[in-house]
Amino acid sequence: MKTHHLLGFAAATLTMAALLSTSGQAQINTTLTDKDRAEIQALSVTYRQALLTCKAEQYADLFATPGGYFASPSRGEVRERSALMEMVRSYDRCDAPPAVAPTGGGGPVTISDVKIEPAPEGAKARVPYTRGGGYYDDVYVKTPNGWRFKSRNVVSEQEIAVGFLVKDAVEIRQLAGDDHGHYENIYGDHDHAATPRGIGVEGKDTRPFRSSGLRITVGKDGSVTGLAYLRDNGGHYEDVYMKTAEGWRIKERKYVAAAPAAHNH
């Protein structure tokens, strides 16, 4: 009797596992309609127009909420809507008179030539943005408001040349503890050190957005360093990373304490 119960339990377990497996496979998108592809292509066109004409709100609307993000080593992983808008406004061109919106898809190839493939999240594509090989590594998700960016990761020509790709940046962010809440966003122009709001600045801090959380710098020689300011601390980490057979590791981490606050006498 016990044997029959055990056999019955085993059979039920195998059946359940098969059902779960089938259910999991059903979650993966395997087809895209012409309408899907057209809407996804339109995202890149609108993205370029919004970015080049400093339309910050329109730009932020292109990312899924919640969860959609833009990422690059130097800009960090920008998830918050306010940070996405700050990033657009941080470009020097946004201080000039409004630019004329560009026409067409832009970039080194026609957007209609980009291969869009089904993906577990919805769809994915690699969209070239420079003639030298730089590209956006995109993942798209379908929302109640239509297709949006789940993620848009930038891979520059220099990063390609030294073999530093999206997976490397993702691994380093995890290694360094960049969990969007642990590290501060930093601000500053390109001629001065970037710090969180209010640090190293007297009066109103109007410096442009520089990066979100961990800022990664990839050198021409393949060296990789990181800068991260601790939230509500004022101190920061200066990291040096190295790639090993087991993956990326922190070669050196230097903690720099916050500078003493200035006092008026």
C-alpha atoms as a PDB file:
ATOM      1  CA  MET A   1       0.000   0.000   0.000  1.00  0.00           C
ATOM      2  CA  LYS A   2       2.773   2.357   0.895  1.00  0.00           C
ATOM      3  CA  THR A   3       4.487   1.476  -2.371  1.00  0.00           C
ATOM      4  CA  HIS A   4       1.377   2.464  -4.352  1.00  0.00           C
ATOM      5  CA  HIS A   5       1.204   5.757  -2.488  1.00  0.00           C
ATOM      6  CA  LEU A   6       4.846   6.483  -3.221  1.00  0.00           C
ATOM      7  CA  LEU A   7       4.459   5.641  -6.892  1.00  0.00           C
ATOM      8  CA  GLY A   8       1.366   7.799  -7.113  1.00  0.00           C
ATOM      9  CA  PHE A   9       3.156  10.688  -5.415  1.00  0.00           C
ATOM     10  CA  ALA A  10       6.150  10.349  -7.758  1.00  0.00           C
ATOM     11  CA  ALA A  11       3.908  10.346 -10.822  1.00  0.00           C
ATOM     12  CA  ALA A  12       2.044  13.411  -9.593  1.00  0.00           C
ATOM     13  CA  THR A  13       5.325  15.177  -8.917  1.00  0.00           C
ATOM     14  CA  LEU A  14       6.606  14.460 -12.425  1.00  0.00           C
ATOM     15  CA  THR A  15       3.327  15.627 -13.947  1.00  0.00           C
ATOM     16  CA  MET A  16       3.442  18.864 -11.973  1.00  0.00           C
ATOM     17  CA  ALA A  17       7.051  19.458 -13.008  1.00  0.00           C
ATOM     18  CA  ALA A  18       6.122  18.943 -16.650  1.00  0.00           C
ATOM     19  CA  LEU A  19       3.208  21.362 -16.344  1.00  0.00           C
ATOM     20  CA  LEU A  20       5.406  23.980 -14.694  1.00  0.00           C
ATOM     21  CA  SER A  21       8.018  23.533 -17.393  1.00  0.00           C
ATOM     22  CA  THR A  22       5.420  23.942 -20.113  1.00  0.00           C
ATOM     23  CA  SER A  23       3.958  26.952 -18.327  1.00  0.00           C
ATOM     24  CA  GLY A  24       7.411  28.526 -18.057  1.00  0.00           C
ATOM     25  CA  GLN A  25       8.056  28.007 -21.752  1.00  0.00           C
ATOM     26  CA  ALA A  26       4.723  29.630 -22.563  1.00  0.00           C
ATOM     27  CA  GLN A  27       5.964  32.807 -20.921  1.00  0.00           C
ATOM     28  CA  ILE A  28       8.666  33.210 -23.581  1.00  0.00           C
ATOM     29  CA  ASN A  29       7.625  35.347 -26.516  1.00  0.00           C
ATOM     30  CA  THR A  30       8.359  33.509 -29.783  1.00  0.00           C
ATOM     31  CA  THR A  31       6.711  35.746 -32.374  1.00  0.00           C
ATOM     32  CA  LEU A  32       6.545  39.430 -33.211  1.00  0.00           C
ATOM     33  CA  THR A  33       3.985  40.928 -35.567  1.00  0.00           C
ATOM     34  CA  ASP A  34       4.761  43.563 -38.172  1.00  0.00           C
ATOM     35  CA  LYS A  35       2.927  46.032 -35.922  1.00  0.00           C
ATOM     36  CA  ASP A  36       5.188  45.084 -32.981  1.00  0.00           C
ATOM     37  CA  ARG A  37       8.305  45.621 -35.070  1.00  0.00           C
ATOM     38  CA  ALA A  38       7.063  48.961 -36.380  1.00  0.00           C
ATOM     39  CA  GLU A  39       6.330  50.210 -32.841  1.00  0.00           C
ATOM     40  CA  ILE A  40       9.737  49.043 -31.600  1.00  0.00           C
ATOM     41  CA  GLN A  41      11.480  50.757 -34.531  1.00  0.00           C
ATOM     42  CA  ALA A  42       9.560  53.935 -33.712  1.00  0.00           C
ATOM     43  CA  LEU A  43      11.006  53.857 -30.184  1.00  0.00           C
ATOM     44  CA  SER A  44      14.533  54.414 -31.488  1.00  0.00           C
ATOM     45  CA  VAL A  45      13.394  57.216 -33.784  1.00  0.00           C
ATOM     46  CA  THR A  46      11.554  59.004 -30.956  1.00  0.00           C
ATOM     47  CA  TYR A  47      14.460  58.319 -28.601  1.00  0.00           C
ATOM     48  CA  ARG A  48      16.896  60.151 -30.874  1.00  0.00           C
ATOM     49  CA  GLN A  49      14.536  63.050 -31.431  1.00  0.00           C
ATOM     50  CA  ALA A  50      13.820  63.496 -27.719  1.00  0.00           C
ATOM     51  CA  LEU A  51      17.498  63.212 -26.764  1.00  0.00           C
ATOM     52  CA  LEU A  52      18.796  65.660 -29.368  1.00  0.00           C
ATOM     53  CA  THR A  53      16.053  68.227 -28.765  1.00  0.00           C
ATOM     54  CA  CYS A  54      16.256  68.000 -24.950  1.00  0.00           C
ATOM     55  CA  LYS A  55      12.670  66.822 -24.451  1.00  0.00           C
ATOM     56  CA  ALA A  56      13.308  65.226 -21.092  1.00  0.00           C
ATOM     57  CA  GLU A  57       9.763  64.122 -20.261  1.00  0.00           C
ATOM     58  CA  GLN A  58       9.217  62.602 -23.691  1.00  0.00           C
ATOM     59  CA  TYR A  59      12.540  60.756 -23.333  1.00  0.00           C
ATOM     60  CA  ALA A  60      11.631  59.348 -19.892  1.00  0.00           C
ATOM     61  CA  ASP A  61       8.243  58.185 -21.230  1.00  0.00           C
ATOM     62  CA  LEU A  62      10.038  55.773 -23.565  1.00  0.00           C
ATOM     63  CA  PHE A  63      11.137  53.574 -20.646  1.00  0.00           C
ATOM     64  CA  ALA A  64       8.918  51.018 -18.927  1.00  0.00           C
ATOM     65  CA  THR A  65       7.610  52.027 -15.510  1.00  0.00           C
ATOM     66  CA  PRO A  66       8.622  50.509 -13.197  1.00  0.00           C
ATOM     67  CA  GLY A  67      11.871  48.782 -14.079  1.00  0.00           C
ATOM     68  CA  GLY A  68      12.951  50.358 -17.358  1.00  0.00           C
ATOM     69  CA  TYR A  69      16.441  51.830 -17.400  1.00  0.00           C
ATOM     70  CA  PHE A  70      19.255  53.353 -19.449  1.00  0.00           C
ATOM     71  CA  ALA A  71      22.820  52.262 -18.717  1.00  0.00           C
ATOM     72  CA  SER A  72      26.393  52.942 -19.735  1.00  0.00           C
ATOM     73  CA  PRO A  73      29.646  52.642 -17.772  1.00  0.00           C
ATOM     74  CA  SER A  74      30.028  56.413 -17.420  1.00  0.00           C
ATOM     75  CA  ARG A  75      26.355  57.229 -16.768  1.00  0.00           C
ATOM     76  CA  GLY A  76      25.624  54.286 -14.495  1.00  0.00           C
ATOM     77  CA  GLU A  77      22.306  52.447 -14.444  1.00  0.00           C
ATOM     78  CA  VAL A  78      19.716  55.217 -14.623  1.00  0.00           C
ATOM     79  CA  ARG A  79      16.332  53.946 -13.464  1.00  0.00           C
ATOM     80  CA  GLU A  80      14.495  56.763 -11.730  1.00  0.00           C
ATOM     81  CA  ARG A  81      12.313  58.890 -13.993  1.00  0.00           C
ATOM     82  CA  SER A  82      13.704  62.090 -12.475  1.00  0.00           C
ATOM     83  CA  ALA A  83      17.267  60.911 -13.132  1.00  0.00           C
ATOM     84  CA  LEU A  84      16.443  60.020 -16.745  1.00  0.00           C
ATOM     85  CA  MET A  85      15.138  63.549 -17.216  1.00  0.00           C
ATOM     86  CA  GLU A  86      18.147  65.096 -15.481  1.00  0.00           C
ATOM     87  CA  MET A  87      20.448  63.110 -17.740  1.00  0.00           C
ATOM     88  CA  VAL A  88      18.834  64.499 -20.895  1.00  0.00           C
ATOM     89  CA  ARG A  89      19.073  68.062 -19.589  1.00  0.00           C
ATOM     90  CA  SER A  90      22.735  67.583 -18.640  1.00  0.00           C
ATOM     91  CA  TYR A  91      24.005  67.824 -22.219  1.00  0.00           C
ATOM     92  CA  ASP A  92      25.593  71.143 -23.195  1.00  0.00           C
ATOM     93  CA  ARG A  93      23.290  71.481 -26.186  1.00  0.00           C
ATOM     94  CA  CYS A  94      20.330  71.784 -23.826  1.00  0.00           C
ATOM     95  CA  ASP A  95      21.631  75.185 -22.656  1.00  0.00           C
ATOM     96  CA  ALA A  96      21.367  76.490 -26.222  1.00  0.00           C
ATOM     97  CA  PRO A  97      18.182  77.493 -28.109  1.00  0.00           C
ATOM     98  CA  PRO A  98      15.904  74.505 -28.859  1.00  0.00           C
ATOM     99  CA  ALA A  99      17.239  72.395 -31.685  1.00  0.00           C
ATOM    100  CA  VAL A 100      15.229  71.357 -34.722  1.00  0.00           C
ATOM    101  CA  ALA A 101      14.022  67.795 -34.343  1.00  0.00           C
ATOM    102  CA  PRO A 102      16.010  65.439 -36.613  1.00  0.00           C
ATOM    103  CA  THR A 103      14.132  63.406 -39.168  1.00  0.00           C
ATOM    104  CA  GLY A 104      14.476  59.708 -39.848  1.00  0.00           C
ATOM    105  CA  GLY A 105      16.023  57.043 -37.658  1.00  0.00           C
ATOM    106  CA  GLY A 106      19.501  58.570 -37.600  1.00  0.00           C
ATOM    107  CA  GLY A 107      22.615  56.613 -36.783  1.00  0.00           C
ATOM    108  CA  PRO A 108      24.838  54.729 -39.218  1.00  0.00           C
ATOM    109  CA  VAL A 109      22.064  52.404 -40.456  1.00  0.00           C
ATOM    110  CA  THR A 110      18.395  52.757 -41.292  1.00  0.00           C
ATOM    111  CA  ILE A 111      16.372  51.656 -38.289  1.00  0.00           C
ATOM    112  CA  SER A 112      14.285  49.388 -40.525  1.00  0.00           C
ATOM    113  CA  ASP A 113      17.451  47.352 -41.199  1.00  0.00           C
ATOM    114  CA  VAL A 114      17.954  46.521 -37.510  1.00  0.00           C
ATOM    115  CA  LYS A 115      17.170  42.915 -36.637  1.00  0.00           C
ATOM    116  CA  ILE A 116      14.526  42.736 -33.889  1.00  0.00           C
ATOM    117  CA  GLU A 117      14.185  39.322 -32.261  1.00  0.00           C
ATOM    118  CA  PRO A 118      11.750  37.781 -29.770  1.00  0.00           C
ATOM    119  CA  ALA A 119      13.054  37.587 -26.194  1.00  0.00           C
ATOM    120  CA  PRO A 120      11.737  36.321 -22.836  1.00  0.00           C
ATOM    121  CA  GLU A 121      10.891  39.907 -21.820  1.00  0.00           C
ATOM    122  CA  GLY A 122       9.322  40.690 -25.195  1.00  0.00           C
ATOM    123  CA  ALA A 123      11.941  41.599 -27.791  1.00  0.00           C
ATOM    124  CA  LYS A 124      15.601  42.533 -28.191  1.00  0.00           C
ATOM    125  CA  ALA A 125      17.847  44.239 -30.740  1.00  0.00           C
ATOM    126  CA  ARG A 126      21.334  45.608 -31.251  1.00  0.00           C
ATOM    127  CA  VAL A 127      21.031  49.118 -32.673  1.00  0.00           C
ATOM    128  CA  PRO A 128      24.222  50.728 -34.097  1.00  0.00           C
ATOM    129  CA  TYR A 129      24.619  54.399 -33.197  1.00  0.00           C
ATOM    130  CA  THR A 130      28.096  55.161 -34.610  1.00  0.00           C
ATOM    131  CA  ARG A 131      29.760  54.229 -37.865  1.00  0.00           C
ATOM    132  CA  GLY A 132      32.691  52.890 -35.876  1.00  0.00           C
ATOM    133  CA  GLY A 133      30.671  50.080 -34.328  1.00  0.00           C
ATOM    134  CA  GLY A 134      29.200  51.552 -31.139  1.00  0.00           C
ATOM    135  CA  TYR A 135      25.721  50.211 -30.437  1.00  0.00           C
ATOM    136  CA  TYR A 136      22.736  50.116 -28.108  1.00  0.00           C
ATOM    137  CA  ASP A 137      21.985  46.707 -26.613  1.00  0.00           C
ATOM    138  CA  ASP A 138      18.198  46.916 -26.235  1.00  0.00           C
ATOM    139  CA  VAL A 139      15.524  44.881 -24.502  1.00  0.00           C
ATOM    140  CA  TYR A 140      11.892  45.865 -25.085  1.00  0.00           C
ATOM    141  CA  VAL A 141       8.745  45.068 -23.147  1.00  0.00           C
ATOM    142  CA  LYS A 142       5.102  45.504 -24.136  1.00  0.00           C
ATOM    143  CA  THR A 143       3.146  47.618 -21.651  1.00  0.00           C
ATOM    144  CA  PRO A 144      -0.477  48.827 -21.547  1.00  0.00           C
ATOM    145  CA  ASN A 145       0.838  51.981 -23.254  1.00  0.00           C
ATOM    146  CA  GLY A 146       2.649  50.083 -25.999  1.00  0.00           C
ATOM    147  CA  TRP A 147       6.263  48.961 -26.438  1.00  0.00           C
ATOM    148  CA  ARG A 148       8.847  50.533 -24.142  1.00  0.00           C
ATOM    149  CA  PHE A 149      12.523  50.103 -23.332  1.00  0.00           C
ATOM    150  CA  LYS A 150      13.061  47.535 -20.606  1.00  0.00           C
ATOM    151  CA  SER A 151      16.728  48.414 -20.902  1.00  0.00           C
ATOM    152  CA  ARG A 152      18.998  50.336 -23.252  1.00  0.00           C
ATOM    153  CA  ASN A 153      22.695  49.659 -22.627  1.00  0.00           C
ATOM    154  CA  VAL A 154      25.337  51.662 -24.465  1.00  0.00           C
ATOM    155  CA  VAL A 155      28.480  49.934 -25.738  1.00  0.00           C
ATOM    156  CA  SER A 156      31.024  52.407 -27.141  1.00  0.00           C
ATOM    157  CA  GLU A 157      33.681  51.822 -29.781  1.00  0.00           C
ATOM    158  CA  GLN A 158      36.426  52.059 -27.146  1.00  0.00           C
ATOM    159  CA  GLU A 159      34.707  49.488 -24.936  1.00  0.00           C
ATOM    160  CA  ILE A 160      34.317  47.129 -27.883  1.00  0.00           C
ATOM    161  CA  ALA A 161      38.028  47.564 -28.702  1.00  0.00           C
ATOM    162  CA  VAL A 162      39.073  46.358 -25.238  1.00  0.00           C
ATOM    163  CA  GLY A 163      36.357  43.692 -24.995  1.00  0.00           C
ATOM    164  CA  PHE A 164      34.279  45.399 -22.312  1.00  0.00           C
ATOM    165  CA  LEU A 165      30.628  44.555 -22.999  1.00  0.00           C
ATOM    166  CA  VAL A 166      27.261  44.856 -21.225  1.00  0.00           C
ATOM    167  CA  LYS A 167      27.749  41.652 -19.237  1.00  0.00           C
ATOM    168  CA  ASP A 168      31.015  43.039 -17.834  1.00  0.00           C
ATOM    169  CA  ALA A 169      29.350  46.242 -16.635  1.00  0.00           C
ATOM    170  CA  VAL A 170      26.480  44.277 -15.085  1.00  0.00           C
ATOM    171  CA  GLU A 171      28.888  41.966 -13.270  1.00  0.00           C
ATOM    172  CA  ILE A 172      30.939  44.863 -11.898  1.00  0.00           C
ATOM    173  CA  ARG A 173      27.836  46.697 -10.663  1.00  0.00           C
ATOM    174  CA  GLN A 174      26.783  43.579  -8.769  1.00  0.00           C
ATOM    175  CA  LEU A 175      30.300  43.088  -7.429  1.00  0.00           C
ATOM    176  CA  ALA A 176      30.562  46.684  -6.227  1.00  0.00           C
ATOM    177  CA  GLY A 177      27.166  46.675  -4.510  1.00  0.00           C
ATOM    178  CA  ASP A 178      25.411  49.114  -6.821  1.00  0.00           C
ATOM    179  CA  ASP A 179      21.830  48.390  -5.794  1.00  0.00           C
ATOM    180  CA  HIS A 180      20.132  51.723  -6.491  1.00  0.00           C
ATOM    181  CA  GLY A 181      19.706  52.983  -3.009  1.00  0.00           C
ATOM    182  CA  HIS A 182      23.143  52.273  -1.613  1.00  0.00           C
ATOM    183  CA  TYR A 183      24.992  54.857  -3.720  1.00  0.00           C
ATOM    184  CA  GLU A 184      24.174  58.465  -4.554  1.00  0.00           C
ATOM    185  CA  ASN A 185      23.705  60.047  -7.956  1.00  0.00           C
ATOM    186  CA  ILE A 186      26.557  62.425  -8.725  1.00  0.00           C
ATOM    187  CA  TYR A 187      26.636  65.828 -10.428  1.00  0.00           C
ATOM    188  CA  GLY A 188      29.247  68.079 -12.024  1.00  0.00           C
ATOM    189  CA  ASP A 189      30.540  69.396 -15.317  1.00  0.00           C
ATOM    190  CA  HIS A 190      33.341  67.692 -17.236  1.00  0.00           C
ATOM    191  CA  ASP A 191      36.015  70.102 -15.974  1.00  0.00           C
ATOM    192  CA  HIS A 192      35.504  69.364 -12.273  1.00  0.00           C
ATOM    193  CA  ALA A 193      35.089  66.397  -9.956  1.00  0.00           C
ATOM    194  CA  ALA A 194      31.562  65.008  -9.756  1.00  0.00           C
ATOM    195  CA  THR A 195      29.968  64.639  -6.310  1.00  0.00           C
ATOM    196  CA  PRO A 196      26.465  64.251  -4.845  1.00  0.00           C
ATOM    197  CA  ARG A 197      24.250  67.297  -4.511  1.00  0.00           C
ATOM    198  CA  GLY A 198      25.525  69.809  -1.954  1.00  0.00           C
ATOM    199  CA  ILE A 199      29.010  68.315  -1.560  1.00  0.00           C
ATOM    200  CA  GLY A 200      31.858  70.682  -2.442  1.00  0.00           C
ATOM    201  CA  VAL A 201      29.465  73.396  -3.573  1.00  0.00           C
ATOM    202  CA  GLU A 202      28.468  76.592  -1.828  1.00  0.00           C
ATOM    203  CA  GLY A 203      24.976  77.958  -2.300  1.00  0.00           C
ATOM    204  CA  LYS A 204      22.429  76.446  -4.685  1.00  0.00           C
ATOM    205  CA  ASP A 205      23.756  73.383  -6.458  1.00  0.00           C
ATOM    206  CA  THR A 206      22.772  73.589 -10.139  1.00  0.00           C
ATOM    207  CA  ARG A 207      25.448  71.284 -11.524  1.00  0.00           C
ATOM    208  CA  PRO A 208      24.339  68.922 -14.311  1.00  0.00           C
ATOM    209  CA  PHE A 209      23.680  65.228 -13.746  1.00  0.00           C
ATOM    210  CA  ARG A 210      26.746  63.070 -14.331  1.00  0.00           C
ATOM    211  CA  SER A 211      25.876  59.503 -13.337  1.00  0.00           C
ATOM    212  CA  SER A 212      23.622  57.266 -11.256  1.00  0.00           C
ATOM    213  CA  GLY A 213      25.199  55.156  -8.539  1.00  0.00           C
ATOM    214  CA  LEU A 214      28.458  53.481  -9.538  1.00  0.00           C
ATOM    215  CA  ARG A 215      30.354  55.307 -12.277  1.00  0.00           C
ATOM    216  CA  ILE A 216      32.642  52.993 -14.273  1.00  0.00           C
ATOM    217  CA  THR A 217      35.568  54.282 -16.341  1.00  0.00           C
ATOM    218  CA  VAL A 218      37.049  52.030 -19.019  1.00  0.00           C
ATOM    219  CA  GLY A 219      40.528  53.074 -20.160  1.00  0.00           C
ATOM    220  CA  LYS A 220      41.970  52.686 -23.644  1.00  0.00           C
ATOM    221  CA  ASP A 221      44.359  50.122 -22.176  1.00  0.00           C
ATOM    222  CA  GLY A 222      41.465  48.059 -20.817  1.00  0.00           C
ATOM    223  CA  SER A 223      41.856  49.264 -17.228  1.00  0.00           C
ATOM    224  CA  VAL A 224      38.559  49.562 -15.338  1.00  0.00           C
ATOM    225  CA  THR A 225      37.933  51.794 -12.318  1.00  0.00           C
ATOM    226  CA  GLY A 226      34.859  52.811 -10.355  1.00  0.00           C
ATOM    227  CA  LEU A 227      33.590  55.730  -8.286  1.00  0.00           C
ATOM    228  CA  ALA A 228      30.676  55.441  -5.857  1.00  0.00           C
ATOM    229  CA  TYR A 229      29.444  57.870  -3.192  1.00  0.00           C
ATOM    230  CA  LEU A 230      27.738  56.319  -0.195  1.00  0.00           C
ATOM    231  CA  ARG A 231      24.215  57.553   0.490  1.00  0.00           C
ATOM    232  CA  ASP A 232      23.846  59.846   3.524  1.00  0.00           C
ATOM    233  CA  ASN A 233      27.533  59.440   4.241  1.00  0.00           C
ATOM    234  CA  GLY A 234      29.504  61.852   2.069  1.00  0.00           C
ATOM    235  CA  GLY A 235      32.374  59.411   1.756  1.00  0.00           C
ATOM    236  CA  HIS A 236      33.095  57.449  -1.381  1.00  0.00           C
ATOM    237  CA  TYR A 237      34.811  54.389  -2.805  1.00  0.00           C
ATOM    238  CA  GLU A 238      37.513  54.545  -5.465  1.00  0.00           C
ATOM    239  CA  ASP A 239      37.771  51.072  -6.987  1.00  0.00           C
ATOM    240  CA  VAL A 240      40.103  49.275  -9.358  1.00  0.00           C
ATOM    241  CA  TYR A 241      38.731  46.105 -10.968  1.00  0.00           C
ATOM    242  CA  MET A 242      40.451  43.194 -12.628  1.00  0.00           C
ATOM    243  CA  LYS A 243      39.111  40.298 -14.683  1.00  0.00           C
ATOM    244  CA  THR A 244      40.114  36.829 -13.536  1.00  0.00           C
ATOM    245  CA  ALA A 245      39.336  33.318 -14.716  1.00  0.00           C
ATOM    246  CA  GLU A 246      36.471  33.328 -12.187  1.00  0.00           C
ATOM    247  CA  GLY A 247      35.095  36.689 -13.344  1.00  0.00           C
ATOM    248  CA  TRP A 248      35.540  40.303 -12.251  1.00  0.00           C
ATOM    249  CA  ARG A 249      37.079  41.039  -8.868  1.00  0.00           C
ATOM    250  CA  ILE A 250      37.941  44.174  -6.880  1.00  0.00           C
ATOM    251  CA  LYS A 251      41.704  44.590  -7.097  1.00  0.00           C
ATOM    252  CA  GLU A 252      41.702  47.642  -4.852  1.00  0.00           C
ATOM    253  CA  ARG A 253      39.038  49.563  -2.928  1.00  0.00           C
ATOM    254  CA  LYS A 254      39.947  52.856  -1.326  1.00  0.00           C
ATOM    255  CA  TYR A 255      37.476  54.539   1.015  1.00  0.00           C
ATOM    256  CA  VAL A 256      37.700  58.323   1.108  1.00  0.00           C
ATOM    257  CA  ALA A 257      35.917  59.905   4.067  1.00  0.00           C
ATOM    258  CA  ALA A 258      33.748  62.987   3.633  1.00  0.00           C
ATOM    259  CA  ALA A 259      35.563  66.284   3.936  1.00  0.00           C
ATOM    260  CA  PRO A 260      34.768  68.196   7.151  1.00  0.00           C
ATOM    261  CA  ALA A 261      31.965  70.692   6.720  1.00  0.00           C
ATOM    262  CA  ALA A 262      33.093  74.304   6.442  1.00  0.00           C
ATOM    263  CA  HIS A 263      32.103  76.612   9.317  1.00  0.00           C
ATOM    264  CA  ASN A 264      31.504  80.323   9.097  1.00  0.00           C
ATOM    265  CA  HIS A 265      33.125  82.430  11.815  1.00  0.00           C
END
